[in-house]
Amino acid sequence: MKETFTFSQNQNFVAKKFEAGVLKGTIIEAEAMIRPLRMAKDETAIHEALHVEASQSSGGIVMASILPDTSTYSLGRTIPVKLTLANIGAAMKFDPKGSSHDLRLAKYKFGASYETAANAGDNENRGKERRVNEIAVMLEDKKEITQTDVTEAHERVYNRDNGMYDTFFRIISPDGTFKLMQKAAKNNKVDIDHKEILQFKAHTPKSKAA
């Protein structure tokens, strides 16, 4: 037999007490380490995240930053591995006033208008809003990121979309002794076989009296 524990963003702790069978008197407390969804608020971080995500199909980035660049008087910057019209124009629709440098670059490198560059960026990032947000959150926290950080941000989104995260179980025996178990959730669920629980109980030493 097995027990299924189901979690959600609103319920990351579940407890079960067994009233019958071989597990009678056993309590299992389960806690899921769910990374809460956080929406980015810093406009510079979102602006640069749009450039970063639009660079992923052409080799990624060398770095991105939301620290002011005094040499160019910009609030942030993204250095892609390869410059494309899409990664140049990626933030134009989100931040028209802050995209004057991007427009100059689009005209100089590709002879493109504002509309052409903005559409190229918009098309590249369509459907990737969650990735952009997670990259922006990372920029808010770290100020500067590399492609390694972008890969981690993508993994966070994938794991959240698929209900994947670590869970920790506290198996409490009827005599009060307990054991900890760690398992990975998928689709917001974790299955524990009764044999696993009994095995843990069998190897749990009784606590010594004070």
N, C-alpha and C. Protein backbone atom coordinates (compact mmCIF):
# COMPACT_ATOMS: atom_id res chain seq x y z
N MET A 1 0.83 -1.20 0.00
CA MET A 1 0.00 0.00 0.00
C MET A 1 0.87 1.25 0.00
N LYS A 2 0.27 2.36 -0.42
CA LYS A 2 1.02 3.62 -0.42
C LYS A 2 0.11 4.75 0.03
N GLU A 3 0.75 5.81 0.46
CA GLU A 3 0.05 7.02 0.85
C GLU A 3 0.44 8.13 -0.11
N THR A 4 -0.54 8.89 -0.57
CA THR A 4 -0.28 10.01 -1.47
C THR A 4 -0.47 11.33 -0.73
N PHE A 5 0.53 12.18 -0.82
CA PHE A 5 0.46 13.50 -0.21
C PHE A 5 0.41 14.53 -1.34
N THR A 6 -0.60 15.39 -1.30
CA THR A 6 -0.81 16.39 -2.34
C THR A 6 -0.62 17.79 -1.75
N PHE A 7 0.12 18.62 -2.48
CA PHE A 7 0.44 19.96 -2.00
C PHE A 7 -0.04 21.01 -3.00
N SER A 8 0.02 22.26 -2.60
CA SER A 8 -0.30 23.37 -3.48
C SER A 8 0.40 24.61 -2.94
N GLN A 9 0.35 25.70 -3.72
CA GLN A 9 0.95 26.95 -3.27
C GLN A 9 0.32 27.41 -1.96
N ASN A 10 -0.95 27.08 -1.77
CA ASN A 10 -1.68 27.52 -0.57
C ASN A 10 -1.63 26.50 0.56
N GLN A 11 -1.17 25.29 0.28
CA GLN A 11 -1.10 24.26 1.31
C GLN A 11 0.19 23.45 1.12
N ASN A 12 1.24 23.86 1.81
CA ASN A 12 2.51 23.15 1.68
C ASN A 12 2.80 22.26 2.89
N PHE A 13 1.82 22.13 3.82
CA PHE A 13 1.99 21.25 4.97
C PHE A 13 0.78 20.32 5.08
N VAL A 14 1.06 19.02 5.18
CA VAL A 14 -0.01 18.02 5.31
C VAL A 14 0.38 17.05 6.42
N ALA A 15 -0.58 16.71 7.27
CA ALA A 15 -0.32 15.74 8.34
C ALA A 15 -1.38 14.64 8.30
N LYS A 16 -0.94 13.40 8.52
CA LYS A 16 -1.85 12.27 8.56
C LYS A 16 -1.56 11.43 9.81
N LYS A 17 -2.62 11.00 10.50
CA LYS A 17 -2.49 10.07 11.62
C LYS A 17 -3.23 8.79 11.27
N PHE A 18 -2.56 7.66 11.44
CA PHE A 18 -3.13 6.37 11.07
C PHE A 18 -3.81 5.74 12.28
N GLU A 19 -5.06 5.39 12.11
CA GLU A 19 -5.87 4.87 13.21
C GLU A 19 -6.01 3.35 13.20
N ALA A 20 -5.52 2.71 12.13
CA ALA A 20 -5.67 1.26 12.03
C ALA A 20 -4.54 0.67 11.20
N GLY A 21 -4.47 -0.66 11.16
CA GLY A 21 -3.49 -1.35 10.34
C GLY A 21 -2.10 -1.33 10.96
N VAL A 22 -1.11 -1.70 10.13
CA VAL A 22 0.27 -1.82 10.62
C VAL A 22 0.86 -0.46 11.02
N LEU A 23 0.26 0.64 10.54
CA LEU A 23 0.77 1.97 10.87
C LEU A 23 -0.03 2.64 11.98
N LYS A 24 -0.86 1.86 12.68
CA LYS A 24 -1.71 2.43 13.71
C LYS A 24 -0.88 3.23 14.72
N GLY A 25 -1.32 4.45 14.98
CA GLY A 25 -0.64 5.31 15.94
C GLY A 25 0.48 6.14 15.34
N THR A 26 0.81 5.88 14.09
CA THR A 26 1.89 6.61 13.43
C THR A 26 1.35 7.92 12.87
N ILE A 27 2.14 8.97 13.00
CA ILE A 27 1.80 10.28 12.43
C ILE A 27 2.86 10.65 11.40
N ILE A 28 2.40 11.12 10.26
CA ILE A 28 3.33 11.61 9.24
C ILE A 28 3.03 13.08 8.97
N GLU A 29 4.03 13.91 9.17
CA GLU A 29 3.94 15.33 8.87
C GLU A 29 4.79 15.62 7.64
N ALA A 30 4.19 16.20 6.64
CA ALA A 30 4.89 16.44 5.37
C ALA A 30 4.89 17.93 5.05
N GLU A 31 6.06 18.44 4.70
CA GLU A 31 6.18 19.84 4.33
C GLU A 31 6.88 19.96 2.98
N ALA A 32 6.28 20.72 2.08
CA ALA A 32 6.84 20.91 0.75
C ALA A 32 7.60 22.23 0.68
N MET A 33 8.80 22.16 0.12
CA MET A 33 9.62 23.37 -0.03
C MET A 33 9.27 24.04 -1.36
N ILE A 34 8.08 24.63 -1.40
CA ILE A 34 7.59 25.26 -2.63
C ILE A 34 8.11 26.70 -2.70
N ARG A 35 8.81 27.00 -3.78
CA ARG A 35 9.28 28.37 -3.97
C ARG A 35 8.08 29.24 -4.36
N PRO A 36 7.75 30.22 -3.54
CA PRO A 36 6.57 31.04 -3.85
C PRO A 36 6.77 31.85 -5.14
N LEU A 37 5.69 32.00 -5.86
CA LEU A 37 5.74 32.81 -7.08
C LEU A 37 5.86 34.28 -6.70
N ARG A 38 6.86 34.93 -7.22
CA ARG A 38 7.07 36.35 -6.94
C ARG A 38 7.09 37.12 -8.24
N MET A 39 6.36 38.21 -8.29
CA MET A 39 6.32 39.02 -9.50
C MET A 39 7.36 40.13 -9.39
N ALA A 40 8.15 40.27 -10.43
CA ALA A 40 9.17 41.33 -10.47
C ALA A 40 8.50 42.70 -10.51
N LYS A 41 9.11 43.66 -9.83
CA LYS A 41 8.55 45.01 -9.76
C LYS A 41 9.48 46.06 -10.36
N ASP A 42 10.76 45.80 -10.34
CA ASP A 42 11.74 46.77 -10.82
C ASP A 42 11.69 46.84 -12.35
N GLU A 43 11.39 48.01 -12.89
CA GLU A 43 11.22 48.15 -14.35
C GLU A 43 12.52 47.91 -15.10
N THR A 44 13.64 48.31 -14.51
CA THR A 44 14.92 48.07 -15.17
C THR A 44 15.19 46.57 -15.24
N ALA A 45 14.87 45.85 -14.18
CA ALA A 45 15.06 44.40 -14.17
C ALA A 45 14.19 43.73 -15.24
N ILE A 46 12.96 44.16 -15.36
CA ILE A 46 12.07 43.59 -16.38
C ILE A 46 12.58 43.93 -17.78
N HIS A 47 13.02 45.19 -17.97
CA HIS A 47 13.56 45.63 -19.25
C HIS A 47 14.73 44.72 -19.67
N GLU A 48 15.69 44.53 -18.77
CA GLU A 48 16.86 43.71 -19.10
C GLU A 48 16.48 42.24 -19.25
N ALA A 49 15.53 41.77 -18.46
CA ALA A 49 15.10 40.38 -18.57
C ALA A 49 14.51 40.09 -19.95
N LEU A 50 13.81 41.06 -20.51
CA LEU A 50 13.26 40.90 -21.87
C LEU A 50 14.39 40.74 -22.88
N HIS A 51 15.45 41.54 -22.75
CA HIS A 51 16.62 41.39 -23.62
C HIS A 51 17.26 40.01 -23.43
N VAL A 52 17.38 39.60 -22.18
CA VAL A 52 18.02 38.32 -21.86
C VAL A 52 17.26 37.16 -22.48
N GLU A 53 15.94 37.12 -22.27
CA GLU A 53 15.15 36.00 -22.79
C GLU A 53 15.18 35.97 -24.32
N ALA A 54 15.15 37.13 -24.94
CA ALA A 54 15.17 37.19 -26.40
C ALA A 54 16.52 36.78 -26.97
N SER A 55 17.53 36.67 -26.12
CA SER A 55 18.87 36.26 -26.56
C SER A 55 19.06 34.75 -26.49
N GLN A 56 18.11 34.04 -25.90
CA GLN A 56 18.30 32.61 -25.64
C GLN A 56 18.36 31.77 -26.91
N SER A 57 17.65 32.18 -27.94
CA SER A 57 17.64 31.39 -29.18
C SER A 57 18.86 31.65 -30.05
N SER A 58 19.70 32.59 -29.63
CA SER A 58 20.89 32.92 -30.43
C SER A 58 22.18 32.81 -29.60
N GLY A 59 22.17 31.91 -28.63
CA GLY A 59 23.40 31.65 -27.89
C GLY A 59 23.43 32.12 -26.45
N GLY A 60 22.39 32.84 -26.02
CA GLY A 60 22.34 33.29 -24.63
C GLY A 60 23.06 34.61 -24.41
N ILE A 61 23.49 34.82 -23.18
CA ILE A 61 24.13 36.09 -22.82
C ILE A 61 25.50 35.87 -22.19
N VAL A 62 26.30 36.92 -22.24
CA VAL A 62 27.55 36.96 -21.49
C VAL A 62 27.24 37.43 -20.07
N MET A 63 26.45 38.49 -19.99
CA MET A 63 26.01 39.01 -18.69
C MET A 63 24.87 39.99 -18.87
N ALA A 64 24.19 40.25 -17.76
CA ALA A 64 23.16 41.29 -17.72
C ALA A 64 23.24 41.94 -16.35
N SER A 65 22.92 43.23 -16.30
CA SER A 65 23.05 43.96 -15.04
C SER A 65 21.97 45.03 -14.93
N ILE A 66 21.57 45.32 -13.70
CA ILE A 66 20.67 46.45 -13.46
C ILE A 66 21.39 47.53 -12.65
N LEU A 67 22.72 47.47 -12.66
CA LEU A 67 23.52 48.52 -12.04
C LEU A 67 23.73 49.63 -13.06
N PRO A 68 23.58 50.88 -12.70
CA PRO A 68 23.75 51.99 -13.65
C PRO A 68 25.13 51.96 -14.31
N ASP A 69 25.14 52.19 -15.60
CA ASP A 69 26.38 52.23 -16.38
C ASP A 69 26.70 53.69 -16.69
N THR A 70 27.67 54.24 -15.98
CA THR A 70 27.99 55.67 -16.14
C THR A 70 28.60 55.99 -17.50
N SER A 71 29.18 54.97 -18.14
CA SER A 71 29.82 55.24 -19.44
C SER A 71 28.79 55.47 -20.53
N THR A 72 27.61 54.86 -20.39
CA THR A 72 26.55 55.02 -21.40
C THR A 72 25.31 55.71 -20.83
N TYR A 73 25.36 56.07 -19.56
CA TYR A 73 24.24 56.73 -18.87
C TYR A 73 22.97 55.87 -18.92
N SER A 74 23.15 54.56 -18.90
CA SER A 74 21.99 53.65 -18.90
C SER A 74 21.77 53.07 -17.51
N LEU A 75 20.52 52.69 -17.24
CA LEU A 75 20.18 52.14 -15.92
C LEU A 75 20.55 50.66 -15.80
N GLY A 76 20.81 50.01 -16.93
CA GLY A 76 21.20 48.61 -16.93
C GLY A 76 21.73 48.24 -18.30
N ARG A 77 22.18 47.01 -18.45
CA ARG A 77 22.68 46.58 -19.76
C ARG A 77 22.67 45.07 -19.86
N THR A 78 22.56 44.59 -21.08
CA THR A 78 22.63 43.17 -21.38
C THR A 78 23.62 42.97 -22.51
N ILE A 79 24.55 42.06 -22.31
CA ILE A 79 25.52 41.74 -23.36
C ILE A 79 25.21 40.34 -23.89
N PRO A 80 24.60 40.24 -25.06
CA PRO A 80 24.27 38.92 -25.62
C PRO A 80 25.49 38.30 -26.30
N VAL A 81 25.47 36.99 -26.45
CA VAL A 81 26.53 36.32 -27.20
C VAL A 81 26.51 36.77 -28.65
N LYS A 82 25.29 36.93 -29.18
CA LYS A 82 25.12 37.39 -30.55
C LYS A 82 24.03 38.44 -30.58
N LEU A 83 24.33 39.57 -31.21
CA LEU A 83 23.35 40.65 -31.32
C LEU A 83 22.37 40.35 -32.46
N THR A 84 21.07 40.38 -32.14
CA THR A 84 20.04 40.16 -33.15
C THR A 84 19.00 41.27 -33.06
N LEU A 85 18.22 41.40 -34.09
CA LEU A 85 17.17 42.42 -34.07
C LEU A 85 16.17 42.12 -32.97
N ALA A 86 15.92 40.83 -32.73
CA ALA A 86 14.95 40.44 -31.69
C ALA A 86 15.43 40.83 -30.30
N ASN A 87 16.71 40.54 -29.97
CA ASN A 87 17.13 40.88 -28.61
C ASN A 87 17.37 42.38 -28.43
N ILE A 88 17.59 43.09 -29.53
CA ILE A 88 17.69 44.55 -29.43
C ILE A 88 16.31 45.15 -29.15
N GLY A 89 15.30 44.66 -29.86
CA GLY A 89 13.97 45.25 -29.75
C GLY A 89 13.07 44.66 -28.69
N ALA A 90 13.59 43.74 -27.89
CA ALA A 90 12.74 42.97 -26.96
C ALA A 90 12.03 43.82 -25.91
N ALA A 91 12.62 44.94 -25.49
CA ALA A 91 12.02 45.75 -24.42
C ALA A 91 11.32 47.00 -24.94
N MET A 92 11.27 47.18 -26.24
CA MET A 92 10.75 48.43 -26.80
C MET A 92 9.27 48.65 -26.48
N LYS A 93 8.45 47.61 -26.58
CA LYS A 93 7.02 47.79 -26.30
C LYS A 93 6.76 47.95 -24.81
N PHE A 94 7.58 47.31 -23.99
CA PHE A 94 7.42 47.43 -22.54
C PHE A 94 7.88 48.80 -22.05
N ASP A 95 8.97 49.29 -22.62
CA ASP A 95 9.60 50.51 -22.11
C ASP A 95 10.04 51.42 -23.26
N PRO A 96 9.08 52.03 -23.96
CA PRO A 96 9.42 52.88 -25.11
C PRO A 96 10.37 54.03 -24.77
N LYS A 97 10.14 54.67 -23.62
CA LYS A 97 10.97 55.82 -23.24
C LYS A 97 12.40 55.40 -22.90
N GLY A 98 12.55 54.18 -22.40
CA GLY A 98 13.89 53.73 -22.03
C GLY A 98 14.59 52.94 -23.11
N SER A 99 14.07 53.00 -24.33
CA SER A 99 14.63 52.19 -25.42
C SER A 99 15.28 53.02 -26.52
N SER A 100 15.65 54.25 -26.22
CA SER A 100 16.26 55.11 -27.25
C SER A 100 17.59 54.53 -27.73
N HIS A 101 18.38 53.99 -26.79
CA HIS A 101 19.66 53.37 -27.18
C HIS A 101 19.40 52.14 -28.04
N ASP A 102 18.39 51.36 -27.68
CA ASP A 102 18.05 50.17 -28.46
C ASP A 102 17.63 50.54 -29.88
N LEU A 103 16.89 51.61 -30.01
CA LEU A 103 16.45 52.05 -31.33
C LEU A 103 17.63 52.48 -32.19
N ARG A 104 18.57 53.23 -31.58
CA ARG A 104 19.77 53.65 -32.33
C ARG A 104 20.56 52.43 -32.80
N LEU A 105 20.64 51.43 -31.93
CA LEU A 105 21.37 50.21 -32.28
C LEU A 105 20.66 49.44 -33.39
N ALA A 106 19.34 49.38 -33.33
CA ALA A 106 18.56 48.67 -34.36
C ALA A 106 18.76 49.33 -35.72
N LYS A 107 18.76 50.65 -35.72
CA LYS A 107 18.95 51.39 -36.99
C LYS A 107 20.37 51.22 -37.51
N TYR A 108 21.35 51.30 -36.59
CA TYR A 108 22.76 51.23 -37.00
C TYR A 108 23.14 49.84 -37.49
N LYS A 109 22.71 48.79 -36.74
CA LYS A 109 23.12 47.43 -37.07
C LYS A 109 22.27 46.78 -38.16
N PHE A 110 20.97 47.10 -38.16
CA PHE A 110 20.06 46.39 -39.06
C PHE A 110 19.25 47.30 -39.97
N GLY A 111 19.42 48.59 -39.83
CA GLY A 111 18.63 49.52 -40.64
C GLY A 111 17.14 49.38 -40.38
N ALA A 112 16.79 48.98 -39.16
CA ALA A 112 15.39 48.68 -38.83
C ALA A 112 14.71 49.85 -38.15
N SER A 113 13.40 49.97 -38.38
CA SER A 113 12.60 50.99 -37.71
C SER A 113 12.24 50.52 -36.30
N TYR A 114 11.66 51.44 -35.53
CA TYR A 114 11.20 51.11 -34.19
C TYR A 114 10.17 49.98 -34.25
N GLU A 115 9.23 50.10 -35.14
CA GLU A 115 8.16 49.11 -35.22
C GLU A 115 8.69 47.73 -35.59
N THR A 116 9.62 47.68 -36.55
CA THR A 116 10.18 46.40 -36.98
C THR A 116 10.95 45.72 -35.86
N ALA A 117 11.77 46.51 -35.15
CA ALA A 117 12.57 45.96 -34.06
C ALA A 117 11.68 45.52 -32.89
N ALA A 118 10.69 46.36 -32.56
CA ALA A 118 9.79 46.04 -31.45
C ALA A 118 9.00 44.78 -31.73
N ASN A 119 8.53 44.62 -32.96
CA ASN A 119 7.77 43.42 -33.33
C ASN A 119 8.65 42.17 -33.29
N ALA A 120 9.90 42.31 -33.72
CA ALA A 120 10.82 41.17 -33.70
C ALA A 120 11.04 40.70 -32.26
N GLY A 121 11.24 41.65 -31.35
CA GLY A 121 11.43 41.29 -29.95
C GLY A 121 10.19 40.70 -29.33
N ASP A 122 9.05 41.29 -29.65
CA ASP A 122 7.78 40.81 -29.11
C ASP A 122 7.48 39.39 -29.57
N ASN A 123 7.74 39.12 -30.84
CA ASN A 123 7.51 37.78 -31.39
C ASN A 123 8.44 36.75 -30.74
N GLU A 124 9.67 37.14 -30.49
CA GLU A 124 10.64 36.22 -29.90
C GLU A 124 10.25 35.81 -28.48
N ASN A 125 9.69 36.75 -27.72
CA ASN A 125 9.38 36.47 -26.32
C ASN A 125 7.92 36.06 -26.07
N ARG A 126 7.14 35.94 -27.11
CA ARG A 126 5.73 35.60 -26.93
C ARG A 126 5.59 34.22 -26.26
N GLY A 127 4.77 34.17 -25.20
CA GLY A 127 4.56 32.93 -24.49
C GLY A 127 5.63 32.61 -23.46
N LYS A 128 6.59 33.51 -23.27
CA LYS A 128 7.70 33.26 -22.34
C LYS A 128 7.65 34.20 -21.14
N GLU A 129 6.46 34.68 -20.82
CA GLU A 129 6.32 35.67 -19.75
C GLU A 129 6.83 35.17 -18.40
N ARG A 130 6.60 33.90 -18.10
CA ARG A 130 7.04 33.37 -16.80
C ARG A 130 8.56 33.32 -16.73
N ARG A 131 9.18 32.99 -17.83
CA ARG A 131 10.65 32.99 -17.87
C ARG A 131 11.19 34.41 -17.68
N VAL A 132 10.60 35.35 -18.38
CA VAL A 132 11.04 36.74 -18.26
C VAL A 132 10.90 37.21 -16.82
N ASN A 133 9.78 36.88 -16.19
CA ASN A 133 9.56 37.30 -14.80
C ASN A 133 10.60 36.70 -13.87
N GLU A 134 10.90 35.41 -14.04
CA GLU A 134 11.87 34.76 -13.14
C GLU A 134 13.26 35.33 -13.32
N ILE A 135 13.62 35.68 -14.56
CA ILE A 135 14.93 36.31 -14.81
C ILE A 135 14.96 37.69 -14.16
N ALA A 136 13.86 38.42 -14.27
CA ALA A 136 13.79 39.75 -13.67
C ALA A 136 13.90 39.68 -12.15
N VAL A 137 13.26 38.68 -11.56
CA VAL A 137 13.35 38.48 -10.11
C VAL A 137 14.80 38.20 -9.71
N MET A 138 15.47 37.38 -10.52
CA MET A 138 16.87 37.08 -10.23
C MET A 138 17.74 38.33 -10.35
N LEU A 139 17.44 39.16 -11.31
CA LEU A 139 18.17 40.43 -11.45
C LEU A 139 17.92 41.35 -10.26
N GLU A 140 16.69 41.38 -9.78
CA GLU A 140 16.38 42.18 -8.60
C GLU A 140 17.23 41.73 -7.41
N ASP A 141 17.41 40.43 -7.29
CA ASP A 141 18.13 39.88 -6.14
C ASP A 141 19.65 39.98 -6.28
N LYS A 142 20.15 39.68 -7.49
CA LYS A 142 21.60 39.56 -7.67
C LYS A 142 22.25 40.77 -8.33
N LYS A 143 21.43 41.60 -8.97
CA LYS A 143 21.91 42.82 -9.66
C LYS A 143 22.64 42.50 -10.97
N GLU A 144 23.50 41.49 -10.97
CA GLU A 144 24.19 41.06 -12.18
C GLU A 144 24.06 39.55 -12.33
N ILE A 145 23.81 39.09 -13.55
CA ILE A 145 23.67 37.65 -13.79
C ILE A 145 24.43 37.24 -15.04
N THR A 146 24.69 35.94 -15.16
CA THR A 146 25.30 35.36 -16.34
C THR A 146 24.35 34.30 -16.91
N GLN A 147 24.78 33.62 -17.95
CA GLN A 147 23.93 32.61 -18.57
C GLN A 147 23.62 31.46 -17.60
N THR A 148 24.53 31.17 -16.70
CA THR A 148 24.29 30.14 -15.69
C THR A 148 23.07 30.48 -14.84
N ASP A 149 22.93 31.74 -14.49
CA ASP A 149 21.78 32.18 -13.71
C ASP A 149 20.49 32.08 -14.53
N VAL A 150 20.59 32.37 -15.81
CA VAL A 150 19.41 32.28 -16.68
C VAL A 150 18.92 30.83 -16.75
N THR A 151 19.87 29.92 -16.88
CA THR A 151 19.51 28.50 -16.91
C THR A 151 18.80 28.10 -15.62
N GLU A 152 19.29 28.59 -14.49
CA GLU A 152 18.65 28.31 -13.20
C GLU A 152 17.23 28.89 -13.15
N ALA A 153 17.06 30.10 -13.68
CA ALA A 153 15.74 30.73 -13.71
C ALA A 153 14.77 29.90 -14.54
N HIS A 154 15.24 29.41 -15.69
CA HIS A 154 14.41 28.56 -16.53
C HIS A 154 14.02 27.28 -15.80
N GLU A 155 14.96 26.70 -15.06
CA GLU A 155 14.67 25.47 -14.31
C GLU A 155 13.63 25.72 -13.23
N ARG A 156 13.69 26.88 -12.59
CA ARG A 156 12.70 27.23 -11.57
C ARG A 156 11.30 27.27 -12.18
N VAL A 157 11.20 27.86 -13.36
CA VAL A 157 9.90 27.95 -14.03
C VAL A 157 9.40 26.56 -14.40
N TYR A 158 10.29 25.75 -14.95
CA TYR A 158 9.91 24.39 -15.35
C TYR A 158 9.44 23.59 -14.14
N ASN A 159 10.19 23.67 -13.05
CA ASN A 159 9.83 22.92 -11.84
C ASN A 159 8.49 23.39 -11.28
N ARG A 160 8.28 24.70 -11.26
CA ARG A 160 7.01 25.22 -10.74
C ARG A 160 5.85 24.79 -11.62
N ASP A 161 6.04 24.86 -12.94
CA ASP A 161 4.98 24.46 -13.87
C ASP A 161 4.62 22.98 -13.73
N ASN A 162 5.59 22.18 -13.30
CA ASN A 162 5.37 20.74 -13.22
C ASN A 162 5.23 20.24 -11.78
N GLY A 163 5.05 21.18 -10.84
CA GLY A 163 4.85 20.79 -9.45
C GLY A 163 6.00 20.00 -8.88
N MET A 164 7.23 20.38 -9.22
CA MET A 164 8.42 19.65 -8.78
C MET A 164 9.18 20.46 -7.73
N TYR A 165 9.42 19.83 -6.57
CA TYR A 165 10.16 20.48 -5.49
C TYR A 165 10.48 19.43 -4.43
N ASP A 166 11.36 19.79 -3.51
CA ASP A 166 11.71 18.88 -2.43
C ASP A 166 10.61 18.88 -1.37
N THR A 167 10.40 17.72 -0.77
CA THR A 167 9.47 17.61 0.35
C THR A 167 10.17 16.87 1.50
N PHE A 168 9.81 17.25 2.71
CA PHE A 168 10.41 16.63 3.89
C PHE A 168 9.31 16.01 4.75
N PHE A 169 9.55 14.77 5.16
CA PHE A 169 8.56 14.03 5.94
C PHE A 169 9.13 13.72 7.32
N ARG A 170 8.28 13.90 8.33
CA ARG A 170 8.61 13.56 9.71
C ARG A 170 7.68 12.42 10.12
N ILE A 171 8.26 11.24 10.26
CA ILE A 171 7.49 10.05 10.59
C ILE A 171 7.61 9.83 12.10
N ILE A 172 6.49 10.00 12.80
CA ILE A 172 6.48 9.91 14.26
C ILE A 172 5.84 8.60 14.68
N SER A 173 6.59 7.78 15.37
CA SER A 173 6.10 6.48 15.84
C SER A 173 5.21 6.67 17.07
N PRO A 174 4.41 5.65 17.39
CA PRO A 174 3.52 5.74 18.56
C PRO A 174 4.27 6.04 19.85
N ASP A 175 5.56 5.60 19.97
CA ASP A 175 6.31 5.84 21.20
C ASP A 175 6.95 7.23 21.24
N GLY A 176 6.70 8.04 20.20
CA GLY A 176 7.21 9.42 20.18
C GLY A 176 8.52 9.60 19.46
N THR A 177 9.21 8.53 19.12
CA THR A 177 10.45 8.68 18.35
C THR A 177 10.09 9.03 16.91
N PHE A 178 11.02 9.64 16.20
CA PHE A 178 10.70 10.05 14.83
C PHE A 178 11.92 9.94 13.92
N LYS A 179 11.65 9.96 12.64
CA LYS A 179 12.68 9.91 11.61
C LYS A 179 12.30 10.87 10.49
N LEU A 180 13.30 11.44 9.85
CA LEU A 180 13.05 12.36 8.75
C LEU A 180 13.31 11.67 7.41
N MET A 181 12.52 12.01 6.43
CA MET A 181 12.67 11.46 5.08
C MET A 181 12.51 12.60 4.08
N GLN A 182 13.32 12.59 3.05
CA GLN A 182 13.22 13.60 2.00
C GLN A 182 12.85 12.91 0.68
N LYS A 183 11.88 13.48 -0.03
CA LYS A 183 11.47 12.95 -1.32
C LYS A 183 11.14 14.10 -2.26
N ALA A 184 11.22 13.82 -3.55
CA ALA A 184 10.92 14.84 -4.55
C ALA A 184 9.47 14.73 -5.01
N ALA A 185 8.80 15.86 -5.07
CA ALA A 185 7.41 15.89 -5.55
C ALA A 185 7.40 16.09 -7.07
N LYS A 186 6.36 15.56 -7.68
CA LYS A 186 6.12 15.78 -9.11
C LYS A 186 4.62 15.94 -9.29
N ASN A 187 4.25 16.92 -10.08
CA ASN A 187 2.83 17.25 -10.25
C ASN A 187 2.16 17.51 -8.90
N ASN A 188 2.94 18.11 -8.00
CA ASN A 188 2.46 18.49 -6.66
C ASN A 188 2.08 17.29 -5.79
N LYS A 189 2.60 16.10 -6.12
CA LYS A 189 2.26 14.91 -5.34
C LYS A 189 3.51 14.10 -4.99
N VAL A 190 3.43 13.42 -3.85
CA VAL A 190 4.48 12.48 -3.44
C VAL A 190 3.80 11.21 -2.93
N ASP A 191 4.28 10.07 -3.41
CA ASP A 191 3.79 8.79 -2.92
C ASP A 191 4.82 8.17 -1.98
N ILE A 192 4.35 7.65 -0.85
CA ILE A 192 5.22 6.93 0.07
C ILE A 192 4.64 5.55 0.31
N ASP A 193 5.43 4.53 0.04
CA ASP A 193 4.99 3.16 0.26
C ASP A 193 5.03 2.84 1.75
N HIS A 194 4.08 2.07 2.21
CA HIS A 194 4.04 1.67 3.62
C HIS A 194 5.33 0.97 4.04
N LYS A 195 5.94 0.23 3.11
CA LYS A 195 7.19 -0.47 3.44
C LYS A 195 8.29 0.52 3.80
N GLU A 196 8.33 1.67 3.09
CA GLU A 196 9.32 2.69 3.42
C GLU A 196 9.12 3.21 4.83
N ILE A 197 7.86 3.45 5.19
CA ILE A 197 7.55 3.98 6.52
C ILE A 197 7.94 2.97 7.60
N LEU A 198 7.61 1.69 7.38
CA LEU A 198 7.93 0.66 8.35
C LEU A 198 9.43 0.46 8.47
N GLN A 199 10.12 0.56 7.35
CA GLN A 199 11.58 0.43 7.37
C GLN A 199 12.21 1.54 8.21
N PHE A 200 11.72 2.75 8.05
CA PHE A 200 12.22 3.86 8.83
C PHE A 200 11.93 3.63 10.31
N LYS A 201 10.70 3.17 10.61
CA LYS A 201 10.33 2.94 12.01
C LYS A 201 11.22 1.86 12.63
N ALA A 202 11.53 0.85 11.84
CA ALA A 202 12.32 -0.27 12.38
C ALA A 202 13.73 0.15 12.77
N HIS A 203 14.25 1.19 12.10
CA HIS A 203 15.61 1.64 12.36
C HIS A 203 15.66 2.90 13.22
N THR A 204 14.54 3.26 13.82
CA THR A 204 14.49 4.46 14.66
C THR A 204 14.77 4.08 16.11
N PRO A 205 15.90 4.50 16.67
CA PRO A 205 16.20 4.16 18.06
C PRO A 205 15.30 4.91 19.01
N LYS A 206 14.95 4.27 20.11
CA LYS A 206 14.13 4.94 21.13
C LYS A 206 14.99 5.96 21.86
N SER A 207 14.36 7.09 22.18
CA SER A 207 15.10 8.14 22.88
C SER A 207 15.35 7.71 24.31
N LYS A 208 16.51 8.10 24.84
CA LYS A 208 16.86 7.75 26.21
C LYS A 208 16.16 8.67 27.19
N ALA A 209 15.78 8.13 28.32
CA ALA A 209 15.13 8.94 29.34
C ALA A 209 16.12 9.95 29.92
N ALA A 210 15.62 11.14 30.22
CA ALA A 210 16.50 12.20 30.74
C ALA A 210 16.93 11.86 32.17
